[in-house]
């Protein structure tokens, strides 16, 4: 593949998992900081290729534009078969795809509501109640995933020998509201996996850059 893909991202956002996947896949990429909330040359460039201003947005070497983090992760897996998850003929593939899509399908929408709650209801009490409802739903989603996967101590989510893109995804998303201390109460095994991903030396610096709060020097 001639040239390098260009990733438009922002600190603490969904582009973090794409960066982690590139690192574990051993693939080079260029990164453009395109924080949607701060004017910058990177943001202007992102708007020109993606009017929805989504991060991550990936521009492939041939100029094709990709959005949606799971789609990008699957593309990376296609470039490096055998890394980041089970292949098409692996019996674990169905579960891998289910839960990889579950995260943005079931949990992500709660942030769309929570972060723009005034677009859905009016009045301080109604907005506060809706925000709490999104947290309750997020916790239910994590609890449901934990009950289905039953991650064993010291294992990855699918019980694989190697970390997969699913483990990377939960590492990132458990950093978001309501954060790990709260999520741990309903999904301790998932949080344990996320903390294990934190400690992998290949991506430790990346997580510290995206989520500096809560880390201690090692």
N, C-alpha and C. Protein backbone atom coordinates (compact mmCIF):
# COMPACT_ATOMS: atom_id res chain seq x y z
N UNK A 1 0.86 -1.19 0.00
CA UNK A 1 0.00 0.00 0.00
C UNK A 1 0.89 1.24 0.00
N UNK A 2 0.86 2.00 -1.11
CA UNK A 2 1.70 3.18 -1.22
C UNK A 2 1.16 4.29 -0.34
N UNK A 3 2.07 5.04 0.29
CA UNK A 3 1.64 6.14 1.13
C UNK A 3 1.09 5.66 2.45
N UNK A 4 0.72 6.61 3.29
CA UNK A 4 0.19 6.29 4.61
C UNK A 4 -1.22 6.83 4.76
N UNK A 5 -2.08 6.11 5.47
CA UNK A 5 -3.40 6.66 5.78
C UNK A 5 -3.26 7.86 6.71
N UNK A 6 -4.20 8.79 6.59
CA UNK A 6 -4.19 10.00 7.42
C UNK A 6 -5.40 9.95 8.34
N UNK A 7 -5.13 10.00 9.64
CA UNK A 7 -6.19 9.92 10.65
C UNK A 7 -6.45 11.31 11.23
N UNK A 8 -7.69 11.76 11.13
CA UNK A 8 -8.12 12.99 11.78
C UNK A 8 -8.73 12.61 13.12
N UNK A 9 -8.19 13.16 14.19
CA UNK A 9 -8.65 12.76 15.52
C UNK A 9 -8.61 13.90 16.50
N UNK A 10 -8.94 13.58 17.75
CA UNK A 10 -8.93 14.56 18.83
C UNK A 10 -8.67 13.85 20.14
N UNK A 11 -8.01 14.52 21.04
CA UNK A 11 -7.66 13.93 22.33
C UNK A 11 -8.89 13.49 23.09
N UNK A 12 -8.86 12.25 23.58
CA UNK A 12 -9.94 11.72 24.39
C UNK A 12 -11.15 11.24 23.63
N UNK A 13 -11.12 11.33 22.30
CA UNK A 13 -12.27 10.95 21.48
C UNK A 13 -12.07 9.56 20.87
N UNK A 14 -13.01 9.16 20.02
CA UNK A 14 -13.00 7.82 19.46
C UNK A 14 -11.82 7.50 18.57
N UNK A 15 -11.09 8.52 18.16
CA UNK A 15 -9.89 8.27 17.36
C UNK A 15 -8.81 7.55 18.16
N UNK A 16 -8.90 7.56 19.48
CA UNK A 16 -7.89 6.90 20.32
C UNK A 16 -7.80 5.42 20.02
N UNK A 17 -8.94 4.76 19.85
CA UNK A 17 -8.92 3.32 19.60
C UNK A 17 -8.34 3.00 18.23
N UNK A 18 -8.54 3.90 17.26
CA UNK A 18 -7.97 3.69 15.93
C UNK A 18 -6.46 3.82 15.99
N UNK A 19 -5.97 4.80 16.72
CA UNK A 19 -4.52 4.94 16.89
C UNK A 19 -3.94 3.68 17.55
N UNK A 20 -4.62 3.20 18.58
CA UNK A 20 -4.14 2.00 19.27
C UNK A 20 -4.09 0.81 18.32
N UNK A 21 -5.10 0.69 17.47
CA UNK A 21 -5.13 -0.41 16.51
C UNK A 21 -4.00 -0.30 15.50
N UNK A 22 -3.73 0.90 15.02
CA UNK A 22 -2.61 1.09 14.10
C UNK A 22 -1.30 0.65 14.75
N UNK A 23 -1.12 1.02 16.01
CA UNK A 23 0.12 0.68 16.72
C UNK A 23 0.26 -0.83 16.85
N UNK A 24 -0.80 -1.51 17.30
CA UNK A 24 -0.71 -2.95 17.49
C UNK A 24 -0.61 -3.70 16.17
N UNK A 25 -1.14 -3.12 15.11
CA UNK A 25 -1.05 -3.75 13.79
C UNK A 25 0.30 -3.50 13.13
N UNK A 26 1.09 -2.61 13.73
CA UNK A 26 2.39 -2.29 13.15
C UNK A 26 2.29 -1.50 11.86
N UNK A 27 1.28 -0.62 11.77
CA UNK A 27 1.07 0.16 10.56
C UNK A 27 1.39 1.63 10.80
N UNK A 28 2.05 2.25 9.84
CA UNK A 28 2.33 3.67 9.91
C UNK A 28 1.09 4.48 9.52
N UNK A 29 0.95 5.64 10.11
CA UNK A 29 -0.15 6.52 9.78
C UNK A 29 0.26 7.95 10.12
N UNK A 30 -0.37 8.90 9.47
CA UNK A 30 -0.19 10.30 9.82
C UNK A 30 -1.39 10.75 10.63
N UNK A 31 -1.16 11.63 11.58
CA UNK A 31 -2.22 12.08 12.48
C UNK A 31 -2.41 13.58 12.34
N UNK A 32 -3.66 13.99 12.21
CA UNK A 32 -4.02 15.40 12.15
C UNK A 32 -4.94 15.71 13.32
N UNK A 33 -4.52 16.63 14.17
CA UNK A 33 -5.36 17.05 15.30
C UNK A 33 -6.49 17.90 14.75
N UNK A 34 -7.72 17.43 14.95
CA UNK A 34 -8.89 18.12 14.43
C UNK A 34 -9.97 18.20 15.51
N UNK A 35 -9.61 18.75 16.65
CA UNK A 35 -10.54 18.90 17.75
C UNK A 35 -11.78 19.66 17.27
N UNK A 36 -12.97 19.03 17.31
CA UNK A 36 -14.17 19.68 16.77
C UNK A 36 -14.58 20.93 17.53
N UNK A 37 -14.04 21.16 18.72
CA UNK A 37 -14.48 22.27 19.55
C UNK A 37 -13.52 23.46 19.54
N UNK A 38 -12.43 23.35 18.77
CA UNK A 38 -11.45 24.43 18.72
C UNK A 38 -11.05 24.70 17.28
N UNK A 39 -11.16 25.95 16.83
CA UNK A 39 -10.75 26.27 15.46
C UNK A 39 -9.27 25.94 15.23
N UNK A 40 -8.98 25.33 14.09
CA UNK A 40 -7.60 24.98 13.76
C UNK A 40 -7.53 24.64 12.28
N UNK A 41 -6.31 24.59 11.76
CA UNK A 41 -6.14 24.18 10.36
C UNK A 41 -6.61 22.74 10.18
N UNK A 42 -6.36 21.91 11.20
CA UNK A 42 -6.79 20.52 11.11
C UNK A 42 -8.30 20.40 11.02
N UNK A 43 -9.01 21.23 11.80
CA UNK A 43 -10.47 21.19 11.77
C UNK A 43 -10.99 21.68 10.42
N UNK A 44 -10.37 22.72 9.88
CA UNK A 44 -10.77 23.20 8.56
C UNK A 44 -10.59 22.12 7.50
N UNK A 45 -9.46 21.41 7.58
CA UNK A 45 -9.20 20.33 6.63
C UNK A 45 -10.22 19.21 6.79
N UNK A 46 -10.57 18.88 8.04
CA UNK A 46 -11.55 17.82 8.28
C UNK A 46 -12.91 18.20 7.71
N UNK A 47 -13.33 19.45 7.90
CA UNK A 47 -14.62 19.90 7.38
C UNK A 47 -14.69 19.78 5.86
N UNK A 48 -13.54 19.92 5.20
CA UNK A 48 -13.53 19.87 3.74
C UNK A 48 -13.75 18.45 3.21
N UNK A 49 -13.45 17.44 4.03
CA UNK A 49 -13.62 16.06 3.57
C UNK A 49 -14.77 15.35 4.28
N UNK A 50 -15.21 15.90 5.40
CA UNK A 50 -16.31 15.28 6.14
C UNK A 50 -17.14 16.38 6.80
N UNK A 51 -18.20 16.82 6.15
CA UNK A 51 -19.01 17.92 6.68
C UNK A 51 -19.60 17.64 8.07
N UNK A 52 -19.70 16.37 8.44
CA UNK A 52 -20.22 16.04 9.78
C UNK A 52 -19.16 16.22 10.86
N UNK A 53 -17.94 16.48 10.46
CA UNK A 53 -16.82 16.74 11.38
C UNK A 53 -16.68 15.61 12.40
N UNK A 54 -16.66 14.38 11.92
CA UNK A 54 -16.53 13.22 12.81
C UNK A 54 -15.06 12.89 13.05
N UNK A 55 -14.75 12.60 14.29
CA UNK A 55 -13.45 12.00 14.60
C UNK A 55 -13.74 10.66 15.29
N UNK A 56 -13.15 9.58 14.75
CA UNK A 56 -12.14 9.57 13.69
C UNK A 56 -12.72 9.68 12.28
N UNK A 57 -11.93 10.31 11.42
CA UNK A 57 -12.10 10.22 9.98
C UNK A 57 -10.76 9.78 9.42
N UNK A 58 -10.77 8.82 8.54
CA UNK A 58 -9.53 8.28 7.98
C UNK A 58 -9.54 8.47 6.47
N UNK A 59 -8.45 9.01 5.95
CA UNK A 59 -8.28 9.14 4.51
C UNK A 59 -7.24 8.11 4.07
N UNK A 60 -7.67 7.18 3.23
CA UNK A 60 -6.78 6.12 2.76
C UNK A 60 -5.81 6.67 1.73
N UNK A 61 -4.73 5.95 1.49
CA UNK A 61 -3.72 6.43 0.53
C UNK A 61 -4.29 6.72 -0.86
N UNK A 62 -5.37 6.04 -1.25
CA UNK A 62 -5.95 6.29 -2.57
C UNK A 62 -6.99 7.41 -2.55
N UNK A 63 -7.14 8.07 -1.39
CA UNK A 63 -8.06 9.20 -1.27
C UNK A 63 -9.44 8.86 -0.77
N UNK A 64 -9.76 7.58 -0.62
CA UNK A 64 -11.06 7.18 -0.09
C UNK A 64 -11.18 7.62 1.36
N UNK A 65 -12.33 8.17 1.72
CA UNK A 65 -12.58 8.65 3.09
C UNK A 65 -13.40 7.62 3.84
N UNK A 66 -12.93 7.27 5.02
CA UNK A 66 -13.65 6.34 5.89
C UNK A 66 -14.05 7.05 7.18
N UNK A 67 -15.25 6.74 7.66
CA UNK A 67 -15.69 7.16 8.99
C UNK A 67 -16.20 5.92 9.72
N UNK A 68 -16.62 6.08 10.94
CA UNK A 68 -17.15 5.04 11.82
C UNK A 68 -16.00 4.16 12.31
N UNK A 69 -15.76 4.25 13.60
CA UNK A 69 -14.58 3.62 14.18
C UNK A 69 -14.52 2.12 13.94
N UNK A 70 -15.65 1.42 14.03
CA UNK A 70 -15.63 -0.03 13.82
C UNK A 70 -15.26 -0.35 12.38
N UNK A 71 -15.79 0.40 11.43
CA UNK A 71 -15.44 0.18 10.03
C UNK A 71 -13.94 0.35 9.83
N UNK A 72 -13.38 1.37 10.46
CA UNK A 72 -11.94 1.62 10.33
C UNK A 72 -11.14 0.48 10.97
N UNK A 73 -11.58 0.02 12.12
CA UNK A 73 -10.89 -1.09 12.79
C UNK A 73 -10.91 -2.35 11.91
N UNK A 74 -12.04 -2.63 11.30
CA UNK A 74 -12.13 -3.81 10.43
C UNK A 74 -11.24 -3.64 9.20
N UNK A 75 -11.13 -2.41 8.69
CA UNK A 75 -10.23 -2.17 7.56
C UNK A 75 -8.78 -2.45 7.97
N UNK A 76 -8.40 -1.98 9.16
CA UNK A 76 -7.04 -2.24 9.64
C UNK A 76 -6.80 -3.75 9.76
N UNK A 77 -7.79 -4.48 10.28
CA UNK A 77 -7.66 -5.94 10.39
C UNK A 77 -7.48 -6.58 9.02
N UNK A 78 -8.15 -6.04 8.01
CA UNK A 78 -8.00 -6.58 6.66
C UNK A 78 -6.58 -6.40 6.14
N UNK A 79 -5.93 -5.31 6.58
CA UNK A 79 -4.56 -5.06 6.13
C UNK A 79 -3.55 -5.95 6.86
N UNK A 80 -3.91 -6.41 8.03
CA UNK A 80 -3.02 -7.24 8.85
C UNK A 80 -3.77 -8.47 9.36
N UNK A 81 -4.08 -9.41 8.47
CA UNK A 81 -4.82 -10.60 8.88
C UNK A 81 -4.12 -11.33 10.03
N UNK A 82 -4.91 -11.78 10.98
CA UNK A 82 -4.35 -12.50 12.11
C UNK A 82 -4.05 -11.63 13.31
N UNK A 83 -4.14 -10.31 13.13
CA UNK A 83 -3.93 -9.40 14.25
C UNK A 83 -5.25 -8.73 14.63
N UNK A 84 -5.36 -8.40 15.89
CA UNK A 84 -6.46 -7.59 16.42
C UNK A 84 -7.80 -8.29 16.50
N UNK A 85 -7.87 -9.57 16.11
CA UNK A 85 -9.14 -10.25 16.27
C UNK A 85 -9.22 -11.51 15.45
N UNK A 86 -10.22 -12.35 15.73
CA UNK A 86 -10.38 -13.62 15.00
C UNK A 86 -10.75 -13.39 13.54
N UNK A 87 -10.24 -14.25 12.66
CA UNK A 87 -10.52 -14.15 11.24
C UNK A 87 -11.89 -14.70 10.88
N UNK A 88 -12.27 -14.60 9.62
CA UNK A 88 -13.62 -15.01 9.17
C UNK A 88 -13.97 -16.45 9.49
N UNK A 89 -13.00 -17.34 9.52
CA UNK A 89 -13.28 -18.76 9.74
C UNK A 89 -13.16 -19.17 11.21
N UNK A 90 -12.82 -18.25 12.06
CA UNK A 90 -12.65 -18.55 13.48
C UNK A 90 -14.02 -18.58 14.16
N UNK A 91 -14.31 -19.61 14.98
CA UNK A 91 -15.62 -19.68 15.65
C UNK A 91 -15.87 -18.50 16.59
N UNK A 92 -14.82 -17.78 16.98
CA UNK A 92 -15.00 -16.61 17.84
C UNK A 92 -15.40 -15.36 17.06
N UNK A 93 -15.38 -15.44 15.74
CA UNK A 93 -15.62 -14.26 14.91
C UNK A 93 -17.00 -13.65 15.14
N UNK A 94 -18.02 -14.47 15.24
CA UNK A 94 -19.38 -13.95 15.40
C UNK A 94 -19.52 -13.13 16.68
N UNK A 95 -19.00 -13.68 17.79
CA UNK A 95 -19.06 -12.95 19.05
C UNK A 95 -18.23 -11.68 19.01
N UNK A 96 -17.08 -11.76 18.36
CA UNK A 96 -16.23 -10.59 18.22
C UNK A 96 -16.97 -9.47 17.49
N UNK A 97 -17.60 -9.79 16.38
CA UNK A 97 -18.34 -8.78 15.62
C UNK A 97 -19.53 -8.25 16.40
N UNK A 98 -20.21 -9.16 17.09
CA UNK A 98 -21.38 -8.72 17.87
C UNK A 98 -21.00 -7.64 18.87
N UNK A 99 -19.99 -7.91 19.67
CA UNK A 99 -19.67 -6.99 20.75
C UNK A 99 -18.91 -5.76 20.28
N UNK A 100 -18.16 -5.92 19.19
CA UNK A 100 -17.47 -4.76 18.64
C UNK A 100 -18.47 -3.73 18.13
N UNK A 101 -19.55 -4.20 17.50
CA UNK A 101 -20.58 -3.29 17.01
C UNK A 101 -21.50 -2.84 18.14
N UNK A 102 -21.69 -3.69 19.13
CA UNK A 102 -22.55 -3.36 20.28
C UNK A 102 -22.10 -2.08 20.97
N UNK A 103 -20.80 -1.89 21.11
CA UNK A 103 -20.31 -0.73 21.85
C UNK A 103 -20.76 0.59 21.24
N UNK A 104 -20.51 0.83 19.94
CA UNK A 104 -21.02 2.08 19.37
C UNK A 104 -22.52 2.09 19.12
N UNK A 105 -23.12 0.91 18.95
CA UNK A 105 -24.56 0.88 18.66
C UNK A 105 -25.40 1.08 19.92
N UNK A 106 -24.96 0.50 21.04
CA UNK A 106 -25.76 0.55 22.26
C UNK A 106 -25.36 1.67 23.21
N UNK A 107 -24.06 1.98 23.27
CA UNK A 107 -23.58 2.94 24.26
C UNK A 107 -23.35 4.33 23.67
N UNK A 108 -22.72 4.41 22.52
CA UNK A 108 -22.45 5.71 21.90
C UNK A 108 -23.67 6.62 21.84
N UNK A 109 -24.85 6.12 21.43
CA UNK A 109 -26.00 7.03 21.32
C UNK A 109 -26.35 7.74 22.62
N UNK A 110 -26.02 7.14 23.74
CA UNK A 110 -26.29 7.78 25.02
C UNK A 110 -25.50 9.08 25.18
N UNK A 111 -24.32 9.13 24.59
CA UNK A 111 -23.52 10.35 24.66
C UNK A 111 -24.08 11.42 23.73
N UNK A 112 -24.66 11.01 22.61
CA UNK A 112 -25.29 11.96 21.71
C UNK A 112 -26.43 12.67 22.42
N UNK A 113 -27.18 11.93 23.22
CA UNK A 113 -28.26 12.53 24.00
C UNK A 113 -27.71 13.33 25.16
N UNK A 114 -26.81 12.73 25.92
CA UNK A 114 -26.33 13.36 27.15
C UNK A 114 -25.59 14.67 26.89
N UNK A 115 -24.78 14.71 25.83
CA UNK A 115 -23.97 15.89 25.57
C UNK A 115 -24.77 17.04 24.98
N UNK A 116 -25.96 16.75 24.47
CA UNK A 116 -26.80 17.79 23.86
C UNK A 116 -28.22 17.67 24.40
N UNK A 117 -28.31 17.51 25.72
CA UNK A 117 -29.59 17.19 26.33
C UNK A 117 -30.63 18.28 26.09
N UNK A 118 -30.19 19.52 25.90
CA UNK A 118 -31.14 20.61 25.68
C UNK A 118 -31.84 20.52 24.33
N UNK A 119 -31.33 19.67 23.45
CA UNK A 119 -31.98 19.47 22.16
C UNK A 119 -33.14 18.47 22.25
N UNK A 120 -33.24 17.80 23.39
CA UNK A 120 -34.24 16.74 23.52
C UNK A 120 -35.36 17.11 24.49
N UNK A 121 -35.01 17.84 25.55
CA UNK A 121 -36.03 18.25 26.53
C UNK A 121 -35.72 19.67 26.98
N UNK A 122 -36.67 20.29 27.64
CA UNK A 122 -36.49 21.63 28.19
C UNK A 122 -36.75 21.59 29.68
N UNK A 123 -36.17 22.56 30.38
CA UNK A 123 -36.34 22.62 31.83
C UNK A 123 -35.21 21.91 32.55
N UNK A 124 -34.71 22.52 33.61
CA UNK A 124 -33.56 21.97 34.33
C UNK A 124 -33.82 20.58 34.89
N UNK A 125 -34.98 20.37 35.47
CA UNK A 125 -35.28 19.06 36.05
C UNK A 125 -35.35 17.98 34.98
N UNK A 126 -36.02 18.29 33.89
CA UNK A 126 -36.14 17.31 32.82
C UNK A 126 -34.77 16.98 32.23
N UNK A 127 -33.91 17.98 32.07
CA UNK A 127 -32.58 17.75 31.52
C UNK A 127 -31.74 16.91 32.48
N UNK A 128 -31.84 17.20 33.78
CA UNK A 128 -31.09 16.43 34.77
C UNK A 128 -31.56 14.97 34.78
N UNK A 129 -32.87 14.78 34.70
CA UNK A 129 -33.41 13.42 34.70
C UNK A 129 -32.98 12.65 33.45
N UNK A 130 -32.97 13.32 32.32
CA UNK A 130 -32.57 12.65 31.09
C UNK A 130 -31.08 12.29 31.13
N UNK A 131 -30.26 13.19 31.67
CA UNK A 131 -28.84 12.88 31.81
C UNK A 131 -28.63 11.65 32.67
N UNK A 132 -29.36 11.57 33.79
CA UNK A 132 -29.23 10.42 34.66
C UNK A 132 -29.72 9.15 33.97
N UNK A 133 -30.75 9.28 33.16
CA UNK A 133 -31.26 8.13 32.43
C UNK A 133 -30.22 7.59 31.45
N UNK A 134 -29.45 8.48 30.84
CA UNK A 134 -28.41 8.00 29.93
C UNK A 134 -27.34 7.24 30.69
N UNK A 135 -26.99 7.72 31.87
CA UNK A 135 -26.00 7.00 32.69
C UNK A 135 -26.53 5.63 33.09
N UNK A 136 -27.80 5.59 33.49
CA UNK A 136 -28.40 4.31 33.87
C UNK A 136 -28.36 3.32 32.70
N UNK A 137 -28.64 3.82 31.52
CA UNK A 137 -28.64 2.96 30.33
C UNK A 137 -27.22 2.49 30.00
N UNK A 138 -26.25 3.37 30.12
CA UNK A 138 -24.85 3.00 29.87
C UNK A 138 -24.43 1.88 30.82
N UNK A 139 -24.77 2.03 32.09
CA UNK A 139 -24.41 1.01 33.08
C UNK A 139 -25.11 -0.32 32.78
N UNK A 140 -26.36 -0.26 32.36
CA UNK A 140 -27.07 -1.48 32.00
C UNK A 140 -26.39 -2.18 30.83
N UNK A 141 -25.93 -1.39 29.86
CA UNK A 141 -25.24 -1.97 28.70
C UNK A 141 -23.95 -2.67 29.13
N UNK A 142 -23.17 -2.03 30.01
CA UNK A 142 -21.94 -2.66 30.48
C UNK A 142 -22.26 -3.93 31.29
N UNK A 143 -23.28 -3.86 32.11
CA UNK A 143 -23.68 -5.03 32.91
C UNK A 143 -24.09 -6.18 32.01
N UNK A 144 -24.82 -5.90 30.95
CA UNK A 144 -25.28 -6.92 30.02
C UNK A 144 -24.09 -7.58 29.31
N UNK A 145 -23.12 -6.76 28.91
CA UNK A 145 -21.93 -7.29 28.24
C UNK A 145 -21.12 -8.16 29.18
N UNK A 146 -20.98 -7.72 30.41
CA UNK A 146 -20.25 -8.50 31.42
C UNK A 146 -20.91 -9.86 31.64
N UNK A 147 -22.23 -9.87 31.76
CA UNK A 147 -22.94 -11.12 32.03
C UNK A 147 -22.80 -12.10 30.87
N UNK A 148 -22.72 -11.58 29.65
CA UNK A 148 -22.61 -12.45 28.49
C UNK A 148 -21.20 -13.00 28.30
N UNK A 149 -20.19 -12.16 28.52
CA UNK A 149 -18.82 -12.57 28.25
C UNK A 149 -18.13 -13.23 29.45
N UNK A 150 -18.53 -12.84 30.65
CA UNK A 150 -17.95 -13.41 31.88
C UNK A 150 -16.41 -13.46 31.80
N UNK A 151 -15.77 -12.32 31.61
CA UNK A 151 -14.31 -12.32 31.47
C UNK A 151 -13.63 -12.88 32.71
N UNK A 152 -12.74 -13.84 32.49
CA UNK A 152 -12.00 -14.46 33.60
C UNK A 152 -10.83 -13.58 34.00
N UNK A 153 -10.40 -13.73 35.23
CA UNK A 153 -9.28 -12.93 35.73
C UNK A 153 -8.04 -13.18 34.88
N UNK A 154 -7.40 -12.09 34.45
CA UNK A 154 -6.18 -12.20 33.69
C UNK A 154 -6.35 -12.58 32.24
N UNK A 155 -7.59 -12.58 31.74
CA UNK A 155 -7.83 -12.97 30.35
C UNK A 155 -8.30 -11.77 29.55
N UNK A 156 -8.32 -11.93 28.23
CA UNK A 156 -8.93 -10.93 27.36
C UNK A 156 -10.41 -11.26 27.22
N UNK A 157 -11.18 -10.34 26.68
CA UNK A 157 -12.64 -10.47 26.69
C UNK A 157 -13.14 -11.72 26.00
N UNK A 158 -12.49 -12.11 24.91
CA UNK A 158 -12.93 -13.30 24.17
C UNK A 158 -12.21 -14.56 24.61
N UNK A 159 -11.34 -14.44 25.61
CA UNK A 159 -10.56 -15.59 26.05
C UNK A 159 -9.43 -15.94 25.09
N UNK A 160 -9.08 -15.01 24.21
CA UNK A 160 -8.02 -15.24 23.23
C UNK A 160 -6.65 -15.09 23.87
N UNK A 161 -5.64 -15.64 23.19
CA UNK A 161 -4.28 -15.51 23.70
C UNK A 161 -3.75 -14.10 23.54
N UNK A 162 -4.23 -13.39 22.53
CA UNK A 162 -3.77 -12.04 22.25
C UNK A 162 -4.90 -11.03 22.39
N UNK A 163 -4.52 -9.81 22.69
CA UNK A 163 -5.47 -8.72 22.76
C UNK A 163 -6.14 -8.51 21.40
N UNK A 164 -7.43 -8.16 21.43
CA UNK A 164 -8.15 -7.87 20.19
C UNK A 164 -8.61 -6.41 20.18
N UNK A 165 -9.16 -6.01 19.04
CA UNK A 165 -9.70 -4.66 18.93
C UNK A 165 -10.83 -4.43 19.93
N UNK A 166 -11.53 -5.49 20.33
CA UNK A 166 -12.58 -5.36 21.32
C UNK A 166 -12.02 -4.92 22.67
N UNK A 167 -10.89 -5.48 23.06
CA UNK A 167 -10.24 -5.08 24.31
C UNK A 167 -9.81 -3.62 24.25
N UNK A 168 -9.29 -3.20 23.10
CA UNK A 168 -8.90 -1.80 22.93
C UNK A 168 -10.11 -0.88 23.08
N UNK A 169 -11.22 -1.31 22.51
CA UNK A 169 -12.43 -0.47 22.53
C UNK A 169 -12.94 -0.27 23.96
N UNK A 170 -12.98 -1.35 24.74
CA UNK A 170 -13.49 -1.18 26.10
C UNK A 170 -12.51 -0.38 26.95
N UNK A 171 -11.22 -0.47 26.63
CA UNK A 171 -10.25 0.35 27.36
C UNK A 171 -10.57 1.83 27.17
N UNK A 172 -10.87 2.20 25.95
CA UNK A 172 -11.21 3.60 25.67
C UNK A 172 -12.55 3.99 26.28
N UNK A 173 -13.58 3.20 26.02
CA UNK A 173 -14.92 3.62 26.40
C UNK A 173 -15.18 3.60 27.90
N UNK A 174 -14.46 2.76 28.64
CA UNK A 174 -14.63 2.79 30.09
C UNK A 174 -13.98 4.03 30.70
N UNK A 175 -13.23 4.78 29.91
CA UNK A 175 -12.69 6.06 30.37
C UNK A 175 -13.73 7.16 30.31
N UNK A 176 -14.82 6.92 29.61
CA UNK A 176 -15.86 7.93 29.44
C UNK A 176 -16.93 7.79 30.54
N UNK A 177 -17.80 8.77 30.62
CA UNK A 177 -18.88 8.78 31.60
C UNK A 177 -19.64 7.44 31.61
N UNK A 178 -19.88 6.88 32.78
CA UNK A 178 -19.66 7.41 34.13
C UNK A 178 -18.30 7.05 34.73
N UNK A 179 -17.39 6.58 33.91
CA UNK A 179 -16.00 6.28 34.24
C UNK A 179 -15.88 4.97 35.04
N UNK A 180 -14.63 4.56 35.14
CA UNK A 180 -14.37 3.19 35.58
C UNK A 180 -14.81 2.87 37.00
N UNK A 181 -14.65 3.79 37.93
CA UNK A 181 -15.02 3.47 39.30
C UNK A 181 -16.50 3.11 39.41
N UNK A 182 -17.32 3.79 38.63
CA UNK A 182 -18.76 3.50 38.62
C UNK A 182 -19.06 2.25 37.81
N UNK A 183 -18.42 2.12 36.66
CA UNK A 183 -18.65 0.95 35.81
C UNK A 183 -18.21 -0.33 36.51
N UNK A 184 -17.16 -0.24 37.31
CA UNK A 184 -16.64 -1.41 38.01
C UNK A 184 -17.69 -2.09 38.88
N UNK A 185 -18.62 -1.31 39.40
CA UNK A 185 -19.65 -1.87 40.28
C UNK A 185 -20.56 -2.85 39.55
N UNK A 186 -20.72 -2.66 38.22
CA UNK A 186 -21.61 -3.54 37.47
C UNK A 186 -20.86 -4.44 36.49
N UNK A 187 -19.62 -4.08 36.19
CA UNK A 187 -18.85 -4.86 35.21
C UNK A 187 -17.38 -4.92 35.62
N UNK A 188 -17.09 -5.55 36.75
CA UNK A 188 -15.71 -5.56 37.24
C UNK A 188 -14.74 -6.28 36.30
N UNK A 189 -15.22 -7.32 35.63
CA UNK A 189 -14.34 -8.05 34.73
C UNK A 189 -13.95 -7.22 33.52
N UNK A 190 -14.87 -6.46 33.01
CA UNK A 190 -14.59 -5.60 31.86
C UNK A 190 -13.59 -4.51 32.24
N UNK A 191 -13.77 -3.91 33.40
CA UNK A 191 -12.83 -2.88 33.84
C UNK A 191 -11.44 -3.48 34.06
N UNK A 192 -11.39 -4.70 34.57
CA UNK A 192 -10.10 -5.36 34.77
C UNK A 192 -9.38 -5.57 33.43
N UNK A 193 -10.14 -5.93 32.40
CA UNK A 193 -9.55 -6.07 31.07
C UNK A 193 -9.04 -4.71 30.58
N UNK A 194 -9.83 -3.67 30.77
CA UNK A 194 -9.43 -2.33 30.35
C UNK A 194 -8.12 -1.91 31.03
N UNK A 195 -8.00 -2.22 32.30
CA UNK A 195 -6.78 -1.86 33.03
C UNK A 195 -5.59 -2.68 32.57
N UNK A 196 -5.86 -3.89 32.13
CA UNK A 196 -4.78 -4.72 31.58
C UNK A 196 -4.29 -4.13 30.25
N UNK A 197 -5.23 -3.62 29.44
CA UNK A 197 -4.84 -2.96 28.20
C UNK A 197 -4.01 -1.71 28.51
N UNK A 198 -4.42 -0.96 29.52
CA UNK A 198 -3.66 0.22 29.93
C UNK A 198 -2.18 -0.08 30.12
N UNK A 199 -1.91 -1.24 30.68
CA UNK A 199 -0.55 -1.58 31.09
C UNK A 199 0.30 -2.15 29.95
N UNK A 200 -0.28 -2.38 28.78
CA UNK A 200 0.51 -2.90 27.67
C UNK A 200 1.50 -1.82 27.22
N UNK A 201 2.80 -2.12 27.24
CA UNK A 201 3.80 -1.07 26.94
C UNK A 201 3.69 -0.50 25.54
N UNK A 202 3.07 -1.23 24.62
CA UNK A 202 2.96 -0.74 23.25
C UNK A 202 2.00 0.44 23.13
N UNK A 203 1.01 0.51 24.00
CA UNK A 203 -0.01 1.56 23.89
C UNK A 203 -0.12 2.41 25.14
N UNK A 204 0.74 2.16 26.12
CA UNK A 204 0.65 2.90 27.38
C UNK A 204 0.77 4.41 27.16
N UNK A 205 1.74 4.83 26.36
CA UNK A 205 1.94 6.26 26.11
C UNK A 205 0.74 6.87 25.39
N UNK A 206 0.13 6.10 24.50
CA UNK A 206 -1.04 6.59 23.78
C UNK A 206 -2.19 6.89 24.74
N UNK A 207 -2.49 5.94 25.63
CA UNK A 207 -3.59 6.17 26.58
C UNK A 207 -3.28 7.35 27.49
N UNK A 208 -2.04 7.51 27.89
CA UNK A 208 -1.69 8.64 28.75
C UNK A 208 -1.89 9.97 28.03
N UNK A 209 -1.63 9.98 26.73
CA UNK A 209 -1.83 11.21 25.96
C UNK A 209 -3.32 11.53 25.85
N UNK A 210 -4.13 10.52 25.63
CA UNK A 210 -5.56 10.76 25.45
C UNK A 210 -6.31 10.91 26.76
N UNK A 211 -5.88 10.19 27.77
CA UNK A 211 -6.60 10.18 29.06
C UNK A 211 -5.60 10.34 30.20
N UNK A 212 -5.01 11.53 30.37
CA UNK A 212 -3.96 11.70 31.38
C UNK A 212 -4.45 11.56 32.82
N UNK A 213 -5.71 11.89 33.08
CA UNK A 213 -6.21 11.81 34.45
C UNK A 213 -6.26 10.37 34.92
N UNK A 214 -5.78 10.15 36.13
CA UNK A 214 -5.86 8.81 36.71
C UNK A 214 -4.65 7.95 36.51
N UNK A 215 -3.69 8.41 35.70
CA UNK A 215 -2.47 7.64 35.53
C UNK A 215 -1.42 8.06 36.55
N UNK A 216 -0.60 7.11 36.92
CA UNK A 216 0.54 7.42 37.78
C UNK A 216 1.81 7.02 37.04
N UNK A 217 2.90 7.67 37.37
CA UNK A 217 4.16 7.33 36.72
C UNK A 217 4.58 5.93 37.07
N UNK A 218 5.06 5.19 36.09
CA UNK A 218 5.50 3.80 36.30
C UNK A 218 7.01 3.73 36.14
